[in-house]
Amino acid sequence: MIRGTVVIAEDICKGCELCIEACPQESLGLSDKINLKGYRYAVLVKDNCTGCVNCALVCPDAAIIVYRQKKPTKTAGPQVEVPI
């Protein structure tokens, strides 16, 4: 399973909740705290983010950056040189 995480710029977020609605994993929620502008901001509430970037795409203030882990590569076994 591909894993991801998000970083939300708390001072930019206005708590519009668009990212929360767009998240298929229900990984986001609103903070109990208030930012400098007086808004409750979005936070990661579950550690099940897949890095789908839906939240970042719908954010009107570009307050979300998504990071996705690389897929693990399958090893094909030892490399053997064959003379031609």
Protein backbone atom coordinates (compact mmCIF):
# COMPACT_ATOMS: atom_id res chain seq x y z
CA MET A 1 0.00 0.00 0.00
CA ILE A 2 1.29 3.42 -0.91
CA ARG A 3 1.71 5.75 2.06
CA GLY A 4 1.65 9.51 2.14
CA THR A 5 1.41 12.45 4.46
CA VAL A 6 0.38 16.08 4.26
CA VAL A 7 1.85 19.29 5.60
CA ILE A 8 -0.69 22.05 6.13
CA ALA A 9 0.36 25.69 6.46
CA GLU A 10 -1.65 26.46 9.59
CA ASP A 11 -1.32 30.24 9.21
CA ILE A 12 -2.73 30.13 5.66
CA CYS A 13 -5.60 27.67 6.18
CA LYS A 14 -9.06 29.23 6.58
CA GLY A 15 -10.79 26.03 7.68
CA CYS A 16 -13.06 25.86 4.64
CA GLU A 17 -13.19 22.04 5.01
CA LEU A 18 -12.93 21.38 1.27
CA CYS A 19 -9.89 19.19 1.87
CA ILE A 20 -11.74 17.22 4.54
CA GLU A 21 -14.58 16.46 2.14
CA ALA A 22 -12.16 15.58 -0.68
CA CYS A 23 -10.17 13.04 1.35
CA PRO A 24 -11.27 9.49 0.47
CA GLN A 25 -9.39 8.10 3.48
CA GLU A 26 -11.00 10.52 5.96
CA SER A 27 -7.50 11.44 7.13
CA LEU A 28 -8.17 15.15 7.73
CA GLY A 29 -10.16 17.08 10.29
CA LEU A 30 -10.32 20.52 11.88
CA SER A 31 -8.02 21.44 14.72
CA ASP A 32 -9.38 22.45 18.09
CA LYS A 33 -6.87 25.32 18.03
CA ILE A 34 -7.26 28.62 16.20
CA ASN A 35 -4.60 30.15 13.93
CA LEU A 36 -3.45 33.78 13.89
CA LYS A 37 -6.28 34.74 11.54
CA GLY A 38 -8.92 33.30 13.88
CA TYR A 39 -9.74 30.13 11.94
CA ARG A 40 -9.74 26.49 12.97
CA TYR A 41 -7.30 24.93 10.51
CA ALA A 42 -7.12 21.49 8.89
CA VAL A 43 -4.92 18.83 10.45
CA LEU A 44 -4.03 15.20 9.79
CA VAL A 45 -6.17 13.18 12.23
CA LYS A 46 -5.48 9.64 10.99
CA ASP A 47 -2.26 8.01 9.87
CA ASN A 48 -3.80 6.41 6.79
CA CYS A 49 -3.00 8.97 4.08
CA THR A 50 -2.25 7.43 0.68
CA GLY A 51 -0.89 10.63 -0.89
CA CYS A 52 -3.72 10.90 -3.42
CA VAL A 53 -3.36 14.75 -3.50
CA ASN A 54 -7.14 15.37 -3.61
CA CYS A 55 -6.83 17.69 -0.61
CA ALA A 56 -4.12 19.81 -2.22
CA LEU A 57 -6.04 20.06 -5.49
CA VAL A 58 -9.17 21.50 -3.86
CA CYS A 59 -7.42 23.85 -1.42
CA PRO A 60 -8.23 27.41 -2.57
CA ASP A 61 -5.26 28.85 -0.67
CA ALA A 62 -2.62 26.26 -1.65
CA ALA A 63 -2.01 25.58 2.04
CA ILE A 64 -1.42 21.84 1.61
CA ILE A 65 1.67 19.99 0.42
CA VAL A 66 1.39 16.23 -0.09
CA TYR A 67 4.32 13.87 0.25
CA ARG A 68 4.11 10.32 -1.08
CA GLN A 69 6.54 7.52 -0.33
CA LYS A 70 8.07 5.83 -3.34
CA LYS A 71 6.81 2.42 -4.29
CA PRO A 72 9.13 -0.32 -3.11
CA THR A 73 10.99 -1.82 -6.04
CA LYS A 74 10.85 -5.52 -6.59
CA THR A 75 14.22 -7.14 -6.81
CA ALA A 76 14.72 -9.43 -9.76
CA GLY A 77 17.36 -11.47 -7.98
CA PRO A 78 21.10 -11.46 -8.54
CA GLN A 79 22.33 -9.96 -11.78
CA VAL A 80 24.27 -12.43 -13.88
CA GLU A 81 26.33 -11.31 -16.84
CA VAL A 82 25.91 -13.50 -19.88
CA PRO A 83 28.68 -13.49 -22.51
CA ILE A 84 27.54 -12.57 -26.01
